[in-house]
Amino acid sequence: MGRTLTLEVSDEAYDELVLIAVRKSQAPELVASEILNGLLPDPLLKLMGTIDSPLSDIAERHDEYIGEGIYSDHVR
């Protein structure tokens, strides 16, 4: 559940929101909400470094590890 927030923005900022909204077929308010939510830190980052793992190359090979996990789930 969210909360309603009323903001006053410059004409230029609103015009830009409208342009983006038209391209995405969305309301300017929804575009503004998506932008604001995108600025918030990812709550999963709080978990970073809290789990011990023998893997030391997850940042470099994350796509490979994800692919292996998906493959092993479907092969069973």
PDB file of N, CA and C in Angstrom:
ATOM      1  N   MET A   1       0.845  -1.172   0.000  1.00  0.00           N
ATOM      2  CA  MET A   1       0.000   0.000   0.000  1.00  0.00           C
ATOM      3  C   MET A   1       0.886   1.230   0.000  1.00  0.00           C
ATOM      4  N   GLY A   2       0.486   2.221  -0.717  1.00  0.00           N
ATOM      5  CA  GLY A   2       1.260   3.443  -0.808  1.00  0.00           C
ATOM      6  C   GLY A   2       0.546   4.597  -0.137  1.00  0.00           C
ATOM      7  N   ARG A   3       1.161   5.733  -0.227  1.00  0.00           N
ATOM      8  CA  ARG A   3       0.594   6.964   0.313  1.00  0.00           C
ATOM      9  C   ARG A   3       0.498   7.987  -0.797  1.00  0.00           C
ATOM     10  N   THR A   4      -0.419   8.900  -0.659  1.00  0.00           N
ATOM     11  CA  THR A   4      -0.581   9.961  -1.633  1.00  0.00           C
ATOM     12  C   THR A   4       0.318  11.121  -1.248  1.00  0.00           C
ATOM     13  N   LEU A   5       1.014  11.674  -2.224  1.00  0.00           N
ATOM     14  CA  LEU A   5       1.925  12.791  -2.009  1.00  0.00           C
ATOM     15  C   LEU A   5       1.640  13.831  -3.075  1.00  0.00           C
ATOM     16  N   THR A   6       1.395  15.059  -2.643  1.00  0.00           N
ATOM     17  CA  THR A   6       1.154  16.144  -3.582  1.00  0.00           C
ATOM     18  C   THR A   6       2.431  16.960  -3.716  1.00  0.00           C
ATOM     19  N   LEU A   7       2.910  17.122  -4.946  1.00  0.00           N
ATOM     20  CA  LEU A   7       4.144  17.850  -5.206  1.00  0.00           C
ATOM     21  C   LEU A   7       3.886  19.012  -6.149  1.00  0.00           C
ATOM     22  N   GLU A   8       4.626  20.071  -5.966  1.00  0.00           N
ATOM     23  CA  GLU A   8       4.616  21.153  -6.933  1.00  0.00           C
ATOM     24  C   GLU A   8       5.940  21.091  -7.681  1.00  0.00           C
ATOM     25  N   VAL A   9       5.848  20.983  -8.997  1.00  0.00           N
ATOM     26  CA  VAL A   9       7.046  20.901  -9.832  1.00  0.00           C
ATOM     27  C   VAL A   9       7.032  22.046 -10.838  1.00  0.00           C
ATOM     28  N   SER A  10       8.181  22.328 -11.384  1.00  0.00           N
ATOM     29  CA  SER A  10       8.275  23.386 -12.385  1.00  0.00           C
ATOM     30  C   SER A  10       7.512  22.980 -13.638  1.00  0.00           C
ATOM     31  N   ASP A  11       7.173  23.975 -14.441  1.00  0.00           N
ATOM     32  CA  ASP A  11       6.495  23.685 -15.709  1.00  0.00           C
ATOM     33  C   ASP A  11       7.357  22.781 -16.581  1.00  0.00           C
ATOM     34  N   GLU A  12       8.675  23.016 -16.568  1.00  0.00           N
ATOM     35  CA  GLU A  12       9.580  22.207 -17.381  1.00  0.00           C
ATOM     36  C   GLU A  12       9.570  20.748 -16.930  1.00  0.00           C
ATOM     37  N   ALA A  13       9.593  20.529 -15.607  1.00  0.00           N
ATOM     38  CA  ALA A  13       9.584  19.160 -15.089  1.00  0.00           C
ATOM     39  C   ALA A  13       8.274  18.470 -15.435  1.00  0.00           C
ATOM     40  N   TYR A  14       7.169  19.185 -15.304  1.00  0.00           N
ATOM     41  CA  TYR A  14       5.867  18.594 -15.629  1.00  0.00           C
ATOM     42  C   TYR A  14       5.774  18.270 -17.120  1.00  0.00           C
ATOM     43  N   ASP A  15       6.241  19.191 -17.949  1.00  0.00           N
ATOM     44  CA  ASP A  15       6.215  18.939 -19.396  1.00  0.00           C
ATOM     45  C   ASP A  15       7.016  17.691 -19.750  1.00  0.00           C
ATOM     46  N   GLU A  16       8.154  17.512 -19.098  1.00  0.00           N
ATOM     47  CA  GLU A  16       8.982  16.323 -19.344  1.00  0.00           C
ATOM     48  C   GLU A  16       8.259  15.064 -18.878  1.00  0.00           C
ATOM     49  N   LEU A  17       7.596  15.132 -17.717  1.00  0.00           N
ATOM     50  CA  LEU A  17       6.817  13.989 -17.236  1.00  0.00           C
ATOM     51  C   LEU A  17       5.712  13.633 -18.228  1.00  0.00           C
ATOM     52  N   VAL A  18       5.051  14.637 -18.778  1.00  0.00           N
ATOM     53  CA  VAL A  18       3.986  14.394 -19.744  1.00  0.00           C
ATOM     54  C   VAL A  18       4.550  13.727 -20.997  1.00  0.00           C
ATOM     55  N   LEU A  19       5.692  14.196 -21.475  1.00  0.00           N
ATOM     56  CA  LEU A  19       6.299  13.582 -22.663  1.00  0.00           C
ATOM     57  C   LEU A  19       6.623  12.112 -22.414  1.00  0.00           C
ATOM     58  N   ILE A  20       7.212  11.835 -21.269  1.00  0.00           N
ATOM     59  CA  ILE A  20       7.539  10.443 -20.923  1.00  0.00           C
ATOM     60  C   ILE A  20       6.259   9.630 -20.792  1.00  0.00           C
ATOM     61  N   ALA A  21       5.270  10.201 -20.148  1.00  0.00           N
ATOM     62  CA  ALA A  21       3.996   9.504 -19.937  1.00  0.00           C
ATOM     63  C   ALA A  21       3.325   9.157 -21.268  1.00  0.00           C
ATOM     64  N   VAL A  22       3.350  10.082 -22.212  1.00  0.00           N
ATOM     65  CA  VAL A  22       2.744   9.829 -23.528  1.00  0.00           C
ATOM     66  C   VAL A  22       3.476   8.683 -24.217  1.00  0.00           C
ATOM     67  N   ARG A  23       4.805   8.686 -24.162  1.00  0.00           N
ATOM     68  CA  ARG A  23       5.582   7.606 -24.795  1.00  0.00           C
ATOM     69  C   ARG A  23       5.280   6.255 -24.163  1.00  0.00           C
ATOM     70  N   LYS A  24       5.029   6.246 -22.845  1.00  0.00           N
ATOM     71  CA  LYS A  24       4.772   4.995 -22.135  1.00  0.00           C
ATOM     72  C   LYS A  24       3.281   4.677 -22.010  1.00  0.00           C
ATOM     73  N   SER A  25       2.440   5.548 -22.547  1.00  0.00           N
ATOM     74  CA  SER A  25       0.978   5.400 -22.421  1.00  0.00           C
ATOM     75  C   SER A  25       0.567   5.275 -20.957  1.00  0.00           C
ATOM     76  N   GLN A  26       1.119   6.139 -20.138  1.00  0.00           N
ATOM     77  CA  GLN A  26       0.822   6.152 -18.708  1.00  0.00           C
ATOM     78  C   GLN A  26       0.476   7.576 -18.275  1.00  0.00           C
ATOM     79  N   ALA A  27      -0.076   7.686 -17.098  1.00  0.00           N
ATOM     80  CA  ALA A  27      -0.364   8.999 -16.529  1.00  0.00           C
ATOM     81  C   ALA A  27       0.935   9.611 -16.001  1.00  0.00           C
ATOM     82  N   PRO A  28       1.060  10.935 -16.071  1.00  0.00           N
ATOM     83  CA  PRO A  28       2.269  11.587 -15.529  1.00  0.00           C
ATOM     84  C   PRO A  28       2.513  11.250 -14.060  1.00  0.00           C
ATOM     85  N   GLU A  29       1.436  11.090 -13.316  1.00  0.00           N
ATOM     86  CA  GLU A  29       1.578  10.749 -11.890  1.00  0.00           C
ATOM     87  C   GLU A  29       2.243   9.396 -11.705  1.00  0.00           C
ATOM     88  N   LEU A  30       1.897   8.441 -12.558  1.00  0.00           N
ATOM     89  CA  LEU A  30       2.508   7.114 -12.469  1.00  0.00           C
ATOM     90  C   LEU A  30       3.985   7.176 -12.833  1.00  0.00           C
ATOM     91  N   VAL A  31       4.316   7.954 -13.855  1.00  0.00           N
ATOM     92  CA  VAL A  31       5.723   8.129 -14.241  1.00  0.00           C
ATOM     93  C   VAL A  31       6.507   8.748 -13.095  1.00  0.00           C
ATOM     94  N   ALA A  32       5.950   9.786 -12.471  1.00  0.00           N
ATOM     95  CA  ALA A  32       6.630  10.430 -11.343  1.00  0.00           C
ATOM     96  C   ALA A  32       6.832   9.442 -10.200  1.00  0.00           C
ATOM     97  N   SER A  33       5.825   8.628  -9.925  1.00  0.00           N
ATOM     98  CA  SER A  33       5.929   7.629  -8.863  1.00  0.00           C
ATOM     99  C   SER A  33       7.029   6.613  -9.171  1.00  0.00           C
ATOM    100  N   GLU A  34       7.084   6.145 -10.427  1.00  0.00           N
ATOM    101  CA  GLU A  34       8.126   5.187 -10.822  1.00  0.00           C
ATOM    102  C   GLU A  34       9.517   5.802 -10.670  1.00  0.00           C
ATOM    103  N   ILE A  35       9.643   7.066 -11.052  1.00  0.00           N
ATOM    104  CA  ILE A  35      10.943   7.740 -10.936  1.00  0.00           C
ATOM    105  C   ILE A  35      11.349   7.850  -9.466  1.00  0.00           C
ATOM    106  N   LEU A  36      10.429   8.300  -8.617  1.00  0.00           N
ATOM    107  CA  LEU A  36      10.744   8.447  -7.194  1.00  0.00           C
ATOM    108  C   LEU A  36      11.062   7.105  -6.553  1.00  0.00           C
ATOM    109  N   ASN A  37      10.291   6.073  -6.876  1.00  0.00           N
ATOM    110  CA  ASN A  37      10.563   4.751  -6.315  1.00  0.00           C
ATOM    111  C   ASN A  37      11.901   4.206  -6.786  1.00  0.00           C
ATOM    112  N   GLY A  38      12.311   4.558  -7.997  1.00  0.00           N
ATOM    113  CA  GLY A  38      13.602   4.115  -8.520  1.00  0.00           C
ATOM    114  C   GLY A  38      14.783   4.761  -7.818  1.00  0.00           C
ATOM    115  N   LEU A  39      14.552   5.877  -7.139  1.00  0.00           N
ATOM    116  CA  LEU A  39      15.625   6.558  -6.426  1.00  0.00           C
ATOM    117  C   LEU A  39      15.892   5.953  -5.053  1.00  0.00           C
ATOM    118  N   LEU A  40      14.950   5.147  -4.576  1.00  0.00           N
ATOM    119  CA  LEU A  40      15.099   4.558  -3.244  1.00  0.00           C
ATOM    120  C   LEU A  40      16.089   3.402  -3.293  1.00  0.00           C
ATOM    121  N   PRO A  41      16.840   3.224  -2.214  1.00  0.00           N
ATOM    122  CA  PRO A  41      17.798   2.108  -2.193  1.00  0.00           C
ATOM    123  C   PRO A  41      17.069   0.768  -2.195  1.00  0.00           C
ATOM    124  N   ASP A  42      17.684  -0.203  -2.826  1.00  0.00           N
ATOM    125  CA  ASP A  42      17.131  -1.546  -2.886  1.00  0.00           C
ATOM    126  C   ASP A  42      17.202  -2.181  -1.496  1.00  0.00           C
ATOM    127  N   PRO A  43      16.079  -2.634  -0.934  1.00  0.00           N
ATOM    128  CA  PRO A  43      16.116  -3.221   0.411  1.00  0.00           C
ATOM    129  C   PRO A  43      16.981  -4.477   0.495  1.00  0.00           C
ATOM    130  N   LEU A  44      17.202  -5.147  -0.643  1.00  0.00           N
ATOM    131  CA  LEU A  44      18.056  -6.337  -0.624  1.00  0.00           C
ATOM    132  C   LEU A  44      19.520  -5.992  -0.377  1.00  0.00           C
ATOM    133  N   LEU A  45      19.908  -4.736  -0.638  1.00  0.00           N
ATOM    134  CA  LEU A  45      21.297  -4.346  -0.400  1.00  0.00           C
ATOM    135  C   LEU A  45      21.665  -4.446   1.074  1.00  0.00           C
ATOM    136  N   LYS A  46      20.673  -4.390   1.946  1.00  0.00           N
ATOM    137  CA  LYS A  46      20.936  -4.538   3.379  1.00  0.00           C
ATOM    138  C   LYS A  46      21.492  -5.922   3.702  1.00  0.00           C
ATOM    139  N   LEU A  47      21.182  -6.901   2.859  1.00  0.00           N
ATOM    140  CA  LEU A  47      21.649  -8.272   3.079  1.00  0.00           C
ATOM    141  C   LEU A  47      23.060  -8.510   2.556  1.00  0.00           C
ATOM    142  N   MET A  48      23.574  -7.567   1.764  1.00  0.00           N
ATOM    143  CA  MET A  48      24.880  -7.746   1.159  1.00  0.00           C
ATOM    144  C   MET A  48      25.957  -7.980   2.229  1.00  0.00           C
ATOM    145  N   GLY A  49      26.692  -9.045   2.046  1.00  0.00           N
ATOM    146  CA  GLY A  49      27.775  -9.361   2.961  1.00  0.00           C
ATOM    147  C   GLY A  49      27.351 -10.117   4.203  1.00  0.00           C
ATOM    148  N   THR A  50      26.080 -10.472   4.313  1.00  0.00           N
ATOM    149  CA  THR A  50      25.614 -11.162   5.518  1.00  0.00           C
ATOM    150  C   THR A  50      25.580 -12.674   5.358  1.00  0.00           C
ATOM    151  N   ILE A  51      25.830 -13.170   4.143  1.00  0.00           N
ATOM    152  CA  ILE A  51      25.756 -14.605   3.884  1.00  0.00           C
ATOM    153  C   ILE A  51      27.136 -15.107   3.469  1.00  0.00           C
ATOM    154  N   ASP A  52      27.591 -16.151   4.134  1.00  0.00           N
ATOM    155  CA  ASP A  52      28.862 -16.764   3.762  1.00  0.00           C
ATOM    156  C   ASP A  52      28.645 -17.669   2.549  1.00  0.00           C
ATOM    157  N   SER A  53      29.573 -17.595   1.596  1.00  0.00           N
ATOM    158  CA  SER A  53      29.481 -18.412   0.402  1.00  0.00           C
ATOM    159  C   SER A  53      30.884 -18.765  -0.073  1.00  0.00           C
ATOM    160  N   PRO A  54      31.056 -19.979  -0.575  1.00  0.00           N
ATOM    161  CA  PRO A  54      32.363 -20.344  -1.114  1.00  0.00           C
ATOM    162  C   PRO A  54      32.637 -19.667  -2.463  1.00  0.00           C
ATOM    163  N   LEU A  55      31.620 -19.063  -3.053  1.00  0.00           N
ATOM    164  CA  LEU A  55      31.773 -18.404  -4.348  1.00  0.00           C
ATOM    165  C   LEU A  55      32.322 -16.997  -4.154  1.00  0.00           C
ATOM    166  N   SER A  56      33.373 -16.692  -4.892  1.00  0.00           N
ATOM    167  CA  SER A  56      33.969 -15.359  -4.772  1.00  0.00           C
ATOM    168  C   SER A  56      33.851 -14.545  -6.061  1.00  0.00           C
ATOM    169  N   ASP A  57      33.192 -15.115  -7.065  1.00  0.00           N
ATOM    170  CA  ASP A  57      33.103 -14.449  -8.360  1.00  0.00           C
ATOM    171  C   ASP A  57      31.658 -14.215  -8.798  1.00  0.00           C
ATOM    172  N   ILE A  58      30.771 -14.044  -7.841  1.00  0.00           N
ATOM    173  CA  ILE A  58      29.353 -13.902  -8.167  1.00  0.00           C
ATOM    174  C   ILE A  58      29.106 -12.649  -9.005  1.00  0.00           C
ATOM    175  N   ALA A  59      29.791 -11.566  -8.715  1.00  0.00           N
ATOM    176  CA  ALA A  59      29.575 -10.331  -9.471  1.00  0.00           C
ATOM    177  C   ALA A  59      29.925 -10.521 -10.944  1.00  0.00           C
ATOM    178  N   GLU A  60      30.983 -11.255 -11.223  1.00  0.00           N
ATOM    179  CA  GLU A  60      31.425 -11.453 -12.596  1.00  0.00           C
ATOM    180  C   GLU A  60      30.618 -12.521 -13.326  1.00  0.00           C
ATOM    181  N   ARG A  61      30.153 -13.548 -12.603  1.00  0.00           N
ATOM    182  CA  ARG A  61      29.520 -14.703 -13.258  1.00  0.00           C
ATOM    183  C   ARG A  61      28.060 -14.891 -12.852  1.00  0.00           C
ATOM    184  N   HIS A  62      27.406 -13.828 -12.374  1.00  0.00           N
ATOM    185  CA  HIS A  62      26.042 -13.993 -11.872  1.00  0.00           C
ATOM    186  C   HIS A  62      25.088 -14.545 -12.925  1.00  0.00           C
ATOM    187  N   ASP A  63      25.231 -14.126 -14.188  1.00  0.00           N
ATOM    188  CA  ASP A  63      24.346 -14.646 -15.233  1.00  0.00           C
ATOM    189  C   ASP A  63      24.522 -16.157 -15.394  1.00  0.00           C
ATOM    190  N   GLU A  64      25.762 -16.604 -15.323  1.00  0.00           N
ATOM    191  CA  GLU A  64      26.033 -18.035 -15.456  1.00  0.00           C
ATOM    192  C   GLU A  64      25.417 -18.822 -14.297  1.00  0.00           C
ATOM    193  N   TYR A  65      25.569 -18.309 -13.073  1.00  0.00           N
ATOM    194  CA  TYR A  65      24.996 -18.987 -11.914  1.00  0.00           C
ATOM    195  C   TYR A  65      23.473 -19.016 -11.971  1.00  0.00           C
ATOM    196  N   ILE A  66      22.865 -17.918 -12.412  1.00  0.00           N
ATOM    197  CA  ILE A  66      21.406 -17.881 -12.540  1.00  0.00           C
ATOM    198  C   ILE A  66      20.959 -18.893 -13.591  1.00  0.00           C
ATOM    199  N   GLY A  67      21.664 -18.926 -14.722  1.00  0.00           N
ATOM    200  CA  GLY A  67      21.341 -19.885 -15.773  1.00  0.00           C
ATOM    201  C   GLY A  67      21.453 -21.319 -15.299  1.00  0.00           C
ATOM    202  N   GLU A  68      22.499 -21.621 -14.541  1.00  0.00           N
ATOM    203  CA  GLU A  68      22.664 -22.978 -14.000  1.00  0.00           C
ATOM    204  C   GLU A  68      21.506 -23.331 -13.081  1.00  0.00           C
ATOM    205  N   GLY A  69      21.082 -22.366 -12.256  1.00  0.00           N
ATOM    206  CA  GLY A  69      19.984 -22.627 -11.340  1.00  0.00           C
ATOM    207  C   GLY A  69      18.686 -22.868 -12.082  1.00  0.00           C
ATOM    208  N   ILE A  70      18.416 -22.086 -13.101  1.00  0.00           N
ATOM    209  CA  ILE A  70      17.185 -22.267 -13.892  1.00  0.00           C
ATOM    210  C   ILE A  70      17.230 -23.601 -14.630  1.00  0.00           C
ATOM    211  N   TYR A  71      18.374 -23.935 -15.202  1.00  0.00           N
ATOM    212  CA  TYR A  71      18.529 -25.199 -15.926  1.00  0.00           C
ATOM    213  C   TYR A  71      18.297 -26.381 -14.981  1.00  0.00           C
ATOM    214  N   SER A  72      18.905 -26.329 -13.803  1.00  0.00           N
ATOM    215  CA  SER A  72      18.768 -27.466 -12.874  1.00  0.00           C
ATOM    216  C   SER A  72      17.335 -27.603 -12.381  1.00  0.00           C
ATOM    217  N   ASP A  73      16.604 -26.507 -12.276  1.00  0.00           N
ATOM    218  CA  ASP A  73      15.195 -26.566 -11.866  1.00  0.00           C
ATOM    219  C   ASP A  73      14.334 -27.238 -12.927  1.00  0.00           C
ATOM    220  N   HIS A  74      14.670 -27.053 -14.204  1.00  0.00           N
ATOM    221  CA  HIS A  74      13.853 -27.593 -15.286  1.00  0.00           C
ATOM    222  C   HIS A  74      14.268 -29.008 -15.697  1.00  0.00           C
ATOM    223  N   VAL A  75      15.457 -29.435 -15.328  1.00  0.00           N
ATOM    224  CA  VAL A  75      15.939 -30.753 -15.717  1.00  0.00           C
ATOM    225  C   VAL A  75      15.392 -31.830 -14.791  1.00  0.00           C
ATOM    226  N   ARG A  76      15.039 -31.454 -13.583  1.00  0.00           N
ATOM    227  CA  ARG A  76      14.567 -32.435 -12.587  1.00  0.00           C
ATOM    228  C   ARG A  76      13.410 -33.212 -13.062  1.00  0.00           C
TER     229      ARG A  76
END
